[in-house]
PDB file of N, CA and C in Angstrom:
ATOM      1  N   MET A   1     -83.962   1.328  77.956  1.00  0.00           N
ATOM      2  CA  MET A   1     -82.545   1.379  77.055  1.00  0.00           C
ATOM      3  C   MET A   1     -81.659   0.722  77.982  1.00  0.00           C
ATOM      4  N   GLN A   2     -80.841  -0.041  77.148  1.00  0.00           N
ATOM      5  CA  GLN A   2     -79.883  -0.859  77.714  1.00  0.00           C
ATOM      6  C   GLN A   2     -78.621  -0.738  76.845  1.00  0.00           C
ATOM      7  N   ILE A   3     -77.406  -0.645  77.708  1.00  0.00           N
ATOM      8  CA  ILE A   3     -76.087  -0.432  77.188  1.00  0.00           C
ATOM      9  C   ILE A   3     -75.182  -1.543  77.718  1.00  0.00           C
ATOM     10  N   ASN A   4     -74.561  -2.289  76.798  1.00  0.00           N
ATOM     11  CA  ASN A   4     -73.324  -3.189  77.313  1.00  0.00           C
ATOM     12  C   ASN A   4     -72.123  -2.416  76.883  1.00  0.00           C
ATOM     13  N   ILE A   5     -71.011  -2.636  77.656  1.00  0.00           N
ATOM     14  CA  ILE A   5     -69.740  -2.191  77.354  1.00  0.00           C
ATOM     15  C   ILE A   5     -68.835  -3.584  77.377  1.00  0.00           C
ATOM     16  N   THR A   6     -68.294  -3.661  76.220  1.00  0.00           N
ATOM     17  CA  THR A   6     -67.400  -4.646  76.017  1.00  0.00           C
ATOM     18  C   THR A   6     -66.107  -4.537  76.980  1.00  0.00           C
ATOM     19  N   GLU A   7     -65.491  -5.738  77.300  1.00  0.00           N
ATOM     20  CA  GLU A   7     -64.238  -5.845  78.080  1.00  0.00           C
ATOM     21  C   GLU A   7     -63.164  -4.863  77.418  1.00  0.00           C
ATOM     22  N   ALA A   8     -62.982  -5.078  76.153  1.00  0.00           N
ATOM     23  CA  ALA A   8     -62.133  -4.161  75.468  1.00  0.00           C
ATOM     24  C   ALA A   8     -62.239  -2.525  75.650  1.00  0.00           C
ATOM     25  N   ALA A   9     -63.447  -2.095  75.602  1.00  0.00           N
ATOM     26  CA  ALA A   9     -63.874  -0.785  76.041  1.00  0.00           C
ATOM     27  C   ALA A   9     -63.905  -0.570  77.293  1.00  0.00           C
ATOM     28  N   ILE A  10     -64.107  -1.271  78.262  1.00  0.00           N
ATOM     29  CA  ILE A  10     -63.951  -0.998  79.727  1.00  0.00           C
ATOM     30  C   ILE A  10     -62.299  -0.888  80.016  1.00  0.00           C
ATOM     31  N   GLU A  11     -61.495  -1.680  79.503  1.00  0.00           N
ATOM     32  CA  GLU A  11     -60.321  -1.477  79.588  1.00  0.00           C
ATOM     33  C   GLU A  11     -59.472  -0.286  79.034  1.00  0.00           C
ATOM     34  N   LYS A  12     -60.043   0.208  77.942  1.00  0.00           N
ATOM     35  CA  LYS A  12     -59.473   1.572  77.585  1.00  0.00           C
ATOM     36  C   LYS A  12     -60.064   2.715  78.193  1.00  0.00           C
ATOM     37  N   ILE A  13     -61.398   2.509  78.726  1.00  0.00           N
ATOM     38  CA  ILE A  13     -61.907   3.661  79.384  1.00  0.00           C
ATOM     39  C   ILE A  13     -61.260   3.663  80.643  1.00  0.00           C
ATOM     40  N   ASN A  14     -60.934   2.722  81.427  1.00  0.00           N
ATOM     41  CA  ASN A  14     -60.060   2.644  82.756  1.00  0.00           C
ATOM     42  C   ASN A  14     -58.788   3.191  82.400  1.00  0.00           C
ATOM     43  N   ASP A  15     -58.038   3.008  81.473  1.00  0.00           N
ATOM     44  CA  ASP A  15     -56.621   3.216  81.161  1.00  0.00           C
ATOM     45  C   ASP A  15     -56.653   4.751  80.851  1.00  0.00           C
ATOM     46  N   ARG A  16     -57.719   5.485  80.120  1.00  0.00           N
ATOM     47  CA  ARG A  16     -57.758   6.812  80.041  1.00  0.00           C
ATOM     48  C   ARG A  16     -58.301   7.642  81.081  1.00  0.00           C
ATOM     49  N   THR A  17     -58.926   7.176  82.117  1.00  0.00           N
ATOM     50  CA  THR A  17     -59.571   7.953  83.069  1.00  0.00           C
ATOM     51  C   THR A  17     -59.054   7.543  84.307  1.00  0.00           C
ATOM     52  N   VAL A  18     -57.926   6.851  84.408  1.00  0.00           N
ATOM     53  CA  VAL A  18     -57.289   6.492  85.753  1.00  0.00           C
ATOM     54  C   VAL A  18     -56.811   7.774  86.514  1.00  0.00           C
ATOM     55  N   GLY A  19     -57.273   7.932  87.785  1.00  0.00           N
ATOM     56  CA  GLY A  19     -56.994   8.988  88.740  1.00  0.00           C
ATOM     57  C   GLY A  19     -57.892  10.054  88.502  1.00  0.00           C
ATOM     58  N   ARG A  20     -58.899  10.013  87.551  1.00  0.00           N
ATOM     59  CA  ARG A  20     -59.993  11.074  87.514  1.00  0.00           C
ATOM     60  C   ARG A  20     -61.135  10.540  88.101  1.00  0.00           C
ATOM     61  N   LYS A  21     -61.927  11.722  88.540  1.00  0.00           N
ATOM     62  CA  LYS A  21     -63.348  11.379  89.065  1.00  0.00           C
ATOM     63  C   LYS A  21     -64.153  11.885  88.167  1.00  0.00           C
ATOM     64  N   GLY A  22     -65.244  11.337  87.767  1.00  0.00           N
ATOM     65  CA  GLY A  22     -66.220  11.713  86.705  1.00  0.00           C
ATOM     66  C   GLY A  22     -67.306  10.677  86.278  1.00  0.00           C
ATOM     67  N   PHE A  23     -67.645  11.040  85.296  1.00  0.00           N
ATOM     68  CA  PHE A  23     -69.019  10.079  84.659  1.00  0.00           C
ATOM     69  C   PHE A  23     -68.721   9.919  83.292  1.00  0.00           C
ATOM     70  N   LEU A  24     -69.167   8.957  82.730  1.00  0.00           N
ATOM     71  CA  LEU A  24     -69.129   8.447  81.389  1.00  0.00           C
ATOM     72  C   LEU A  24     -70.390   8.923  81.007  1.00  0.00           C
ATOM     73  N   LYS A  25     -70.519   9.726  79.592  1.00  0.00           N
ATOM     74  CA  LYS A  25     -71.837  10.186  79.017  1.00  0.00           C
ATOM     75  C   LYS A  25     -71.645  10.049  77.352  1.00  0.00           C
ATOM     76  N   LEU A  26     -72.764   9.451  77.154  1.00  0.00           N
ATOM     77  CA  LEU A  26     -72.989   9.744  75.620  1.00  0.00           C
ATOM     78  C   LEU A  26     -73.529  10.982  75.249  1.00  0.00           C
ATOM     79  N   LYS A  27     -72.915  11.860  74.598  1.00  0.00           N
ATOM     80  CA  LYS A  27     -73.297  13.323  74.307  1.00  0.00           C
ATOM     81  C   LYS A  27     -73.694  13.235  72.760  1.00  0.00           C
ATOM     82  N   TYR A  28     -74.760  13.888  72.592  1.00  0.00           N
ATOM     83  CA  TYR A  28     -75.114  14.145  71.141  1.00  0.00           C
ATOM     84  C   TYR A  28     -74.679  15.563  70.872  1.00  0.00           C
ATOM     85  N   ASP A  29     -73.541  15.614  70.001  1.00  0.00           N
ATOM     86  CA  ASP A  29     -72.930  16.790  69.662  1.00  0.00           C
ATOM     87  C   ASP A  29     -73.349  17.310  68.297  1.00  0.00           C
ATOM     88  N   THR A  30     -73.778  18.516  68.466  1.00  0.00           N
ATOM     89  CA  THR A  30     -74.321  19.087  67.120  1.00  0.00           C
ATOM     90  C   THR A  30     -73.202  20.210  66.785  1.00  0.00           C
ATOM     91  N   ASP A  31     -72.130  20.394  67.306  1.00  0.00           N
ATOM     92  CA  ASP A  31     -71.177  21.508  67.057  1.00  0.00           C
ATOM     93  C   ASP A  31     -70.859  21.381  65.600  1.00  0.00           C
ATOM     94  N   GLY A  32     -71.038  22.142  64.674  1.00  0.00           N
ATOM     95  CA  GLY A  32     -70.511  22.276  63.313  1.00  0.00           C
ATOM     96  C   GLY A  32     -71.388  21.350  62.396  1.00  0.00           C
ATOM     97  N   CYS A  33     -72.646  20.998  62.788  1.00  0.00           N
ATOM     98  CA  CYS A  33     -73.318  20.049  62.177  1.00  0.00           C
ATOM     99  C   CYS A  33     -74.642  20.607  61.412  1.00  0.00           C
ATOM    100  N   GLY A  34     -74.815  22.046  61.894  1.00  0.00           N
ATOM    101  CA  GLY A  34     -75.833  22.600  61.286  1.00  0.00           C
ATOM    102  C   GLY A  34     -77.039  23.065  61.936  1.00  0.00           C
ATOM    103  N   CYS A  35     -77.901  22.087  62.506  1.00  0.00           N
ATOM    104  CA  CYS A  35     -78.860  22.342  63.437  1.00  0.00           C
ATOM    105  C   CYS A  35     -78.892  21.002  64.370  1.00  0.00           C
ATOM    106  N   ALA A  36     -80.059  21.156  65.269  1.00  0.00           N
ATOM    107  CA  ALA A  36     -80.203  20.263  66.649  1.00  0.00           C
ATOM    108  C   ALA A  36     -80.455  18.745  66.173  1.00  0.00           C
ATOM    109  N   VAL A  37     -81.109  18.458  64.966  1.00  0.00           N
ATOM    110  CA  VAL A  37     -81.281  17.352  64.423  1.00  0.00           C
ATOM    111  C   VAL A  37     -80.110  16.631  63.486  1.00  0.00           C
ATOM    112  N   ASN A  38     -79.021  17.279  63.443  1.00  0.00           N
ATOM    113  CA  ASN A  38     -77.898  16.868  62.512  1.00  0.00           C
ATOM    114  C   ASN A  38     -76.759  16.872  63.518  1.00  0.00           C
ATOM    115  N   GLY A  39     -76.600  15.656  64.084  1.00  0.00           N
ATOM    116  CA  GLY A  39     -75.411  15.636  65.010  1.00  0.00           C
ATOM    117  C   GLY A  39     -74.956  14.334  65.126  1.00  0.00           C
ATOM    118  N   VAL A  40     -73.654  13.902  65.982  1.00  0.00           N
ATOM    119  CA  VAL A  40     -73.283  12.751  66.185  1.00  0.00           C
ATOM    120  C   VAL A  40     -73.051  12.360  67.504  1.00  0.00           C
ATOM    121  N   ILE A  41     -73.256  11.172  67.824  1.00  0.00           N
ATOM    122  CA  ILE A  41     -73.186  10.759  69.264  1.00  0.00           C
ATOM    123  C   ILE A  41     -71.371  10.520  69.573  1.00  0.00           C
ATOM    124  N   THR A  42     -71.164  11.096  70.903  1.00  0.00           N
ATOM    125  CA  THR A  42     -69.885  11.125  71.183  1.00  0.00           C
ATOM    126  C   THR A  42     -69.746  10.474  72.416  1.00  0.00           C
ATOM    127  N   LEU A  43     -68.595  10.066  72.983  1.00  0.00           N
ATOM    128  CA  LEU A  43     -68.359   9.485  74.317  1.00  0.00           C
ATOM    129  C   LEU A  43     -67.521  10.530  75.202  1.00  0.00           C
ATOM    130  N   TRP A  44     -68.086  10.992  76.239  1.00  0.00           N
ATOM    131  CA  TRP A  44     -67.237  11.943  76.980  1.00  0.00           C
ATOM    132  C   TRP A  44     -66.967  11.547  78.509  1.00  0.00           C
ATOM    133  N   PHE A  45     -66.118  11.779  79.112  1.00  0.00           N
ATOM    134  CA  PHE A  45     -66.006  11.770  80.404  1.00  0.00           C
ATOM    135  C   PHE A  45     -65.936  12.936  81.210  1.00  0.00           C
ATOM    136  N   VAL A  46     -66.871  13.326  81.908  1.00  0.00           N
ATOM    137  CA  VAL A  46     -67.172  14.648  82.372  1.00  0.00           C
ATOM    138  C   VAL A  46     -67.164  14.588  84.031  1.00  0.00           C
ATOM    139  N   PRO A  47     -66.580  15.695  84.589  1.00  0.00           N
ATOM    140  CA  PRO A  47     -66.260  15.864  86.085  1.00  0.00           C
ATOM    141  C   PRO A  47     -67.806  15.916  86.696  1.00  0.00           C
ATOM    142  N   VAL A  48     -68.650  16.783  85.940  1.00  0.00           N
ATOM    143  CA  VAL A  48     -70.181  16.940  86.393  1.00  0.00           C
ATOM    144  C   VAL A  48     -71.182  16.605  85.578  1.00  0.00           C
ATOM    145  N   LEU A  49     -72.254  16.312  85.825  1.00  0.00           N
ATOM    146  CA  LEU A  49     -73.647  15.953  85.314  1.00  0.00           C
ATOM    147  C   LEU A  49     -74.336  17.160  85.064  1.00  0.00           C
ATOM    148  N   ASP A  50     -75.048  17.185  83.919  1.00  0.00           N
ATOM    149  CA  ASP A  50     -76.191  18.059  83.799  1.00  0.00           C
ATOM    150  C   ASP A  50     -77.466  17.804  84.488  1.00  0.00           C
ATOM    151  N   GLN A  51     -78.397  18.840  84.648  1.00  0.00           N
ATOM    152  CA  GLN A  51     -79.434  18.475  85.557  1.00  0.00           C
ATOM    153  C   GLN A  51     -80.168  17.607  84.884  1.00  0.00           C
ATOM    154  N   ASP A  52     -80.272  17.411  83.290  1.00  0.00           N
ATOM    155  CA  ASP A  52     -81.340  16.559  82.540  1.00  0.00           C
ATOM    156  C   ASP A  52     -80.695  15.107  82.241  1.00  0.00           C
ATOM    157  N   ASP A  53     -79.636  15.002  82.791  1.00  0.00           N
ATOM    158  CA  ASP A  53     -78.885  13.675  82.516  1.00  0.00           C
ATOM    159  C   ASP A  53     -79.561  12.389  82.924  1.00  0.00           C
ATOM    160  N   LEU A  54     -79.740  11.472  82.187  1.00  0.00           N
ATOM    161  CA  LEU A  54     -80.483  10.197  82.775  1.00  0.00           C
ATOM    162  C   LEU A  54     -79.226   8.997  82.940  1.00  0.00           C
ATOM    163  N   ALA A  55     -79.338   8.333  83.942  1.00  0.00           N
ATOM    164  CA  ALA A  55     -78.518   7.261  84.136  1.00  0.00           C
ATOM    165  C   ALA A  55     -79.030   5.886  83.590  1.00  0.00           C
ATOM    166  N   ILE A  56     -78.410   5.395  82.756  1.00  0.00           N
ATOM    167  CA  ILE A  56     -78.424   3.989  82.091  1.00  0.00           C
ATOM    168  C   ILE A  56     -77.332   3.170  82.821  1.00  0.00           C
ATOM    169  N   GLU A  57     -78.157   2.291  83.367  1.00  0.00           N
ATOM    170  CA  GLU A  57     -77.155   1.130  84.073  1.00  0.00           C
ATOM    171  C   GLU A  57     -76.720   0.184  83.052  1.00  0.00           C
ATOM    172  N   THR A  58     -75.110  -0.482  83.260  1.00  0.00           N
ATOM    173  CA  THR A  58     -74.587  -1.253  82.249  1.00  0.00           C
ATOM    174  C   THR A  58     -74.138  -2.132  82.907  1.00  0.00           C
ATOM    175  N   ASN A  59     -73.351  -3.165  82.277  1.00  0.00           N
ATOM    176  CA  ASN A  59     -72.583  -4.241  83.244  1.00  0.00           C
ATOM    177  C   ASN A  59     -71.341  -3.641  83.647  1.00  0.00           C
ATOM    178  N   ASP A  60     -70.891  -2.560  83.445  1.00  0.00           N
ATOM    179  CA  ASP A  60     -69.731  -2.055  84.361  1.00  0.00           C
ATOM    180  C   ASP A  60     -70.000  -0.740  85.121  1.00  0.00           C
ATOM    181  N   ARG A  61     -70.507   0.531  84.673  1.00  0.00           N
ATOM    182  CA  ARG A  61     -70.844   1.507  85.397  1.00  0.00           C
ATOM    183  C   ARG A  61     -71.907   2.273  84.634  1.00  0.00           C
ATOM    184  N   PRO A  62     -72.936   3.083  85.430  1.00  0.00           N
ATOM    185  CA  PRO A  62     -73.721   4.025  84.790  1.00  0.00           C
ATOM    186  C   PRO A  62     -73.313   4.787  83.359  1.00  0.00           C
ATOM    187  N   VAL A  63     -73.818   4.924  82.317  1.00  0.00           N
ATOM    188  CA  VAL A  63     -73.655   5.762  81.411  1.00  0.00           C
ATOM    189  C   VAL A  63     -74.768   6.878  81.382  1.00  0.00           C
ATOM    190  N   TYR A  64     -74.540   8.028  81.198  1.00  0.00           N
ATOM    191  CA  TYR A  64     -75.475   9.077  81.449  1.00  0.00           C
ATOM    192  C   TYR A  64     -75.726   9.660  79.565  1.00  0.00           C
ATOM    193  N   VAL A  65     -76.995   9.923  79.644  1.00  0.00           N
ATOM    194  CA  VAL A  65     -77.380  10.522  78.423  1.00  0.00           C
ATOM    195  C   VAL A  65     -78.247  11.602  78.792  1.00  0.00           C
ATOM    196  N   GLU A  66     -78.496  12.714  77.837  1.00  0.00           N
ATOM    197  CA  GLU A  66     -79.147  13.749  78.063  1.00  0.00           C
ATOM    198  C   GLU A  66     -80.665  13.383  77.641  1.00  0.00           C
ATOM    199  N   LYS A  67     -81.681  13.822  78.527  1.00  0.00           N
ATOM    200  CA  LYS A  67     -82.952  13.215  78.553  1.00  0.00           C
ATOM    201  C   LYS A  67     -83.521  13.515  77.021  1.00  0.00           C
ATOM    202  N   ALA A  68     -83.607  14.963  76.766  1.00  0.00           N
ATOM    203  CA  ALA A  68     -84.042  15.236  75.328  1.00  0.00           C
ATOM    204  C   ALA A  68     -83.311  14.623  74.385  1.00  0.00           C
ATOM    205  N   LYS A  69     -82.269  13.913  74.294  1.00  0.00           N
ATOM    206  CA  LYS A  69     -81.351  13.276  72.934  1.00  0.00           C
ATOM    207  C   LYS A  69     -81.675  11.979  73.112  1.00  0.00           C
ATOM    208  N   THR A  70     -82.399  11.126  73.974  1.00  0.00           N
ATOM    209  CA  THR A  70     -82.638   9.894  73.746  1.00  0.00           C
ATOM    210  C   THR A  70     -83.317   9.373  72.425  1.00  0.00           C
ATOM    211  N   VAL A  71     -83.943  10.298  71.963  1.00  0.00           N
ATOM    212  CA  VAL A  71     -84.777  10.025  70.653  1.00  0.00           C
ATOM    213  C   VAL A  71     -83.857   9.522  69.597  1.00  0.00           C
ATOM    214  N   PHE A  72     -82.430   9.940  69.673  1.00  0.00           N
ATOM    215  CA  PHE A  72     -81.290   9.505  68.902  1.00  0.00           C
ATOM    216  C   PHE A  72     -80.811   8.339  68.974  1.00  0.00           C
ATOM    217  N   LEU A  73     -81.012   7.350  69.947  1.00  0.00           N
ATOM    218  CA  LEU A  73     -80.500   6.427  70.383  1.00  0.00           C
ATOM    219  C   LEU A  73     -81.351   5.205  70.316  1.00  0.00           C
ATOM    220  N   ASP A  74     -80.650   4.016  70.251  1.00  0.00           N
ATOM    221  CA  ASP A  74     -81.463   3.047  70.218  1.00  0.00           C
ATOM    222  C   ASP A  74     -81.925   2.254  71.439  1.00  0.00           C
ATOM    223  N   ASP A  75     -82.725   1.201  71.476  1.00  0.00           N
ATOM    224  CA  ASP A  75     -83.190   0.500  72.662  1.00  0.00           C
ATOM    225  C   ASP A  75     -82.101  -0.304  73.560  1.00  0.00           C
ATOM    226  N   GLU A  76     -81.275  -0.896  72.416  1.00  0.00           N
ATOM    227  CA  GLU A  76     -80.175  -1.718  72.987  1.00  0.00           C
ATOM    228  C   GLU A  76     -78.904  -1.504  72.092  1.00  0.00           C
ATOM    229  N   MET A  77     -77.893  -1.065  72.908  1.00  0.00           N
ATOM    230  CA  MET A  77     -76.721  -0.728  72.333  1.00  0.00           C
ATOM    231  C   MET A  77     -75.347  -1.270  72.987  1.00  0.00           C
ATOM    232  N   LYS A  78     -74.326  -1.203  72.315  1.00  0.00           N
ATOM    233  CA  LYS A  78     -72.951  -1.586  72.804  1.00  0.00           C
ATOM    234  C   LYS A  78     -72.183  -0.468  72.578  1.00  0.00           C
ATOM    235  N   ILE A  79     -71.245  -0.297  73.552  1.00  0.00           N
ATOM    236  CA  ILE A  79     -69.969   0.476  73.441  1.00  0.00           C
ATOM    237  C   ILE A  79     -68.829  -0.507  73.252  1.00  0.00           C
ATOM    238  N   ASP A  80     -68.108  -0.249  72.129  1.00  0.00           N
ATOM    239  CA  ASP A  80     -66.926  -1.386  72.078  1.00  0.00           C
ATOM    240  C   ASP A  80     -65.699  -0.552  71.730  1.00  0.00           C
ATOM    241  N   PHE A  81     -64.756  -1.206  71.658  1.00  0.00           N
ATOM    242  CA  PHE A  81     -63.314  -0.621  71.258  1.00  0.00           C
ATOM    243  C   PHE A  81     -62.664  -1.405  70.003  1.00  0.00           C
ATOM    244  N   SER A  82     -62.303  -0.930  69.091  1.00  0.00           N
ATOM    245  CA  SER A  82     -61.791  -1.569  67.816  1.00  0.00           C
ATOM    246  C   SER A  82     -60.287  -1.233  67.885  1.00  0.00           C
ATOM    247  N   GLN A  83     -59.618  -2.345  68.045  1.00  0.00           N
ATOM    248  CA  GLN A  83     -58.206  -2.294  68.288  1.00  0.00           C
ATOM    249  C   GLN A  83     -57.515  -1.881  66.690  1.00  0.00           C
ATOM    250  N   THR A  84     -58.161  -2.247  65.705  1.00  0.00           N
ATOM    251  CA  THR A  84     -57.861  -1.918  64.305  1.00  0.00           C
ATOM    252  C   THR A  84     -57.869  -0.495  64.215  1.00  0.00           C
ATOM    253  N   ALA A  85     -58.989  -0.013  64.484  1.00  0.00           N
ATOM    254  CA  ALA A  85     -59.314   1.609  64.159  1.00  0.00           C
ATOM    255  C   ALA A  85     -58.767   2.371  65.327  1.00  0.00           C
ATOM    256  N   ASN A  86     -58.367   1.893  66.490  1.00  0.00           N
ATOM    257  CA  ASN A  86     -57.949   2.623  67.644  1.00  0.00           C
ATOM    258  C   ASN A  86     -59.009   3.676  68.020  1.00  0.00           C
ATOM    259  N   CYS A  87     -60.281   3.150  68.112  1.00  0.00           N
ATOM    260  CA  CYS A  87     -61.377   4.087  68.596  1.00  0.00           C
ATOM    261  C   CYS A  87     -62.418   3.402  69.125  1.00  0.00           C
ATOM    262  N   PHE A  88     -63.352   4.035  70.095  1.00  0.00           N
ATOM    263  CA  PHE A  88     -64.578   3.441  70.492  1.00  0.00           C
ATOM    264  C   PHE A  88     -65.609   3.387  69.307  1.00  0.00           C
ATOM    265  N   GLN A  89     -66.537   2.290  69.661  1.00  0.00           N
ATOM    266  CA  GLN A  89     -67.596   2.421  68.759  1.00  0.00           C
ATOM    267  C   GLN A  89     -69.051   2.169  69.498  1.00  0.00           C
ATOM    268  N   LEU A  90     -70.039   2.898  68.972  1.00  0.00           N
ATOM    269  CA  LEU A  90     -71.355   2.700  69.489  1.00  0.00           C
ATOM    270  C   LEU A  90     -72.374   1.880  68.436  1.00  0.00           C
ATOM    271  N   LYS A  91     -72.710   0.836  68.739  1.00  0.00           N
ATOM    272  CA  LYS A  91     -73.505   0.006  67.914  1.00  0.00           C
ATOM    273  C   LYS A  91     -74.633  -0.575  68.318  1.00  0.00           C
ATOM    274  N   SER A  92     -75.635  -0.909  67.693  1.00  0.00           N
ATOM    275  CA  SER A  92     -77.032  -1.194  68.105  1.00  0.00           C
ATOM    276  C   SER A  92     -77.328  -2.622  67.138  1.00  0.00           C
ATOM    277  N   PRO A  93     -78.319  -3.506  67.307  1.00  0.00           N
ATOM    278  CA  PRO A  93     -78.558  -4.506  66.364  1.00  0.00           C
ATOM    279  C   PRO A  93     -78.871  -3.804  64.971  1.00  0.00           C
ATOM    280  N   GLN A  94     -79.436  -2.784  65.207  1.00  0.00           N
ATOM    281  CA  GLN A  94     -79.846  -2.214  63.743  1.00  0.00           C
ATOM    282  C   GLN A  94     -78.910  -1.184  62.879  1.00  0.00           C
ATOM    283  N   GLN A  95     -77.783  -0.872  63.622  1.00  0.00           N
ATOM    284  CA  GLN A  95     -76.819   0.279  63.148  1.00  0.00           C
ATOM    285  C   GLN A  95     -75.752   0.404  63.737  1.00  0.00           C
ATOM    286  N   ILE A  96     -74.941   1.039  63.141  1.00  0.00           N
ATOM    287  CA  ILE A  96     -73.816   1.740  63.813  1.00  0.00           C
ATOM    288  C   ILE A  96     -73.918   3.023  64.017  1.00  0.00           C
ATOM    289  N   LEU A  97     -74.131   3.459  65.173  1.00  0.00           N
ATOM    290  CA  LEU A  97     -74.451   4.784  65.568  1.00  0.00           C
ATOM    291  C   LEU A  97     -73.152   5.885  65.441  1.00  0.00           C
ATOM    292  N   ASN A  98     -72.005   5.521  65.909  1.00  0.00           N
ATOM    293  CA  ASN A  98     -70.744   6.124  65.622  1.00  0.00           C
ATOM    294  C   ASN A  98     -69.693   5.011  65.572  1.00  0.00           C
ATOM    295  N   GLY A  99     -69.068   4.949  64.388  1.00  0.00           N
ATOM    296  CA  GLY A  99     -67.964   3.853  64.301  1.00  0.00           C
ATOM    297  C   GLY A  99     -66.748   4.270  64.861  1.00  0.00           C
ATOM    298  N   ARG A 100     -66.477   5.601  64.979  1.00  0.00           N
ATOM    299  CA  ARG A 100     -65.141   6.052  65.206  1.00  0.00           C
ATOM    300  C   ARG A 100     -65.131   7.272  66.402  1.00  0.00           C
ATOM    301  N   MET A 101     -65.678   6.938  67.492  1.00  0.00           N
ATOM    302  CA  MET A 101     -65.702   7.659  68.494  1.00  0.00           C
ATOM    303  C   MET A 101     -64.600   7.821  69.398  1.00  0.00           C
ATOM    304  N   SER A 102     -64.221   8.920  69.794  1.00  0.00           N
ATOM    305  CA  SER A 102     -62.842   9.183  70.812  1.00  0.00           C
ATOM    306  C   SER A 102     -63.358   9.389  72.115  1.00  0.00           C
ATOM    307  N   LEU A 103     -62.778   9.109  73.114  1.00  0.00           N
ATOM    308  CA  LEU A 103     -63.229   9.527  74.669  1.00  0.00           C
ATOM    309  C   LEU A 103     -62.813  10.860  74.849  1.00  0.00           C
ATOM    310  N   MET A 104     -63.563  11.877  74.779  1.00  0.00           N
ATOM    311  CA  MET A 104     -63.365  13.020  75.131  1.00  0.00           C
ATOM    312  C   MET A 104     -63.127  13.339  76.709  1.00  0.00           C
ATOM    313  N   ILE A 105     -62.170  13.740  77.211  1.00  0.00           N
ATOM    314  CA  ILE A 105     -62.038  14.004  78.660  1.00  0.00           C
ATOM    315  C   ILE A 105     -62.356  15.439  78.818  1.00  0.00           C
ATOM    316  N   LYS A 106     -63.229  15.684  79.595  1.00  0.00           N
ATOM    317  CA  LYS A 106     -63.833  17.109  80.011  1.00  0.00           C
ATOM    318  C   LYS A 106     -63.177  17.520  81.212  1.00  0.00           C
ATOM    319  N   GLU A 107     -62.420  18.514  81.254  1.00  0.00           N
ATOM    320  CA  GLU A 107     -62.073  19.040  82.700  1.00  0.00           C
ATOM    321  C   GLU A 107     -63.007  20.003  83.488  1.00  0.00           C
ATOM    322  N   LYS A 108     -62.841  19.877  84.766  1.00  0.00           N
ATOM    323  CA  LYS A 108     -63.632  21.071  85.430  1.00  0.00           C
ATOM    324  C   LYS A 108     -63.324  22.346  85.349  1.00  0.00           C
ATOM    325  N   THR A 109     -64.137  23.199  85.129  1.00  0.00           N
ATOM    326  CA  THR A 109     -63.676  24.766  85.082  1.00  0.00           C
ATOM    327  C   THR A 109     -64.485  25.509  86.126  1.00  0.00           C
ATOM    328  N   ASP A 110     -63.807  26.116  86.797  1.00  0.00           N
ATOM    329  CA  ASP A 110     -64.334  26.944  88.037  1.00  0.00           C
ATOM    330  C   ASP A 110     -64.770  28.332  87.345  1.00  0.00           C
TER     331      ASP A 110
END
């Protein structure tokens, strides 16, 4: 699996995570979607990783994905930022996986 992060997306990620320690993660979110195969891929910034997260090297920083959810991702993807829509986008040569992604900042809870 290969992920490229555009310069526009890198800039927005850095702006929104400045001063925070954590990891960029593509999360397959099924909350409110019915069942485990009905979900949407979202972009999270998390303080800790889950045991089953896999690191995918990119042109900027590793992006983590849940091992069991890699089936929902394409082999070649790009994380972009749309100035017009003011949101992140996850695309592949075959499809738009999520055209309106927010960057969810998850805080550490003790």
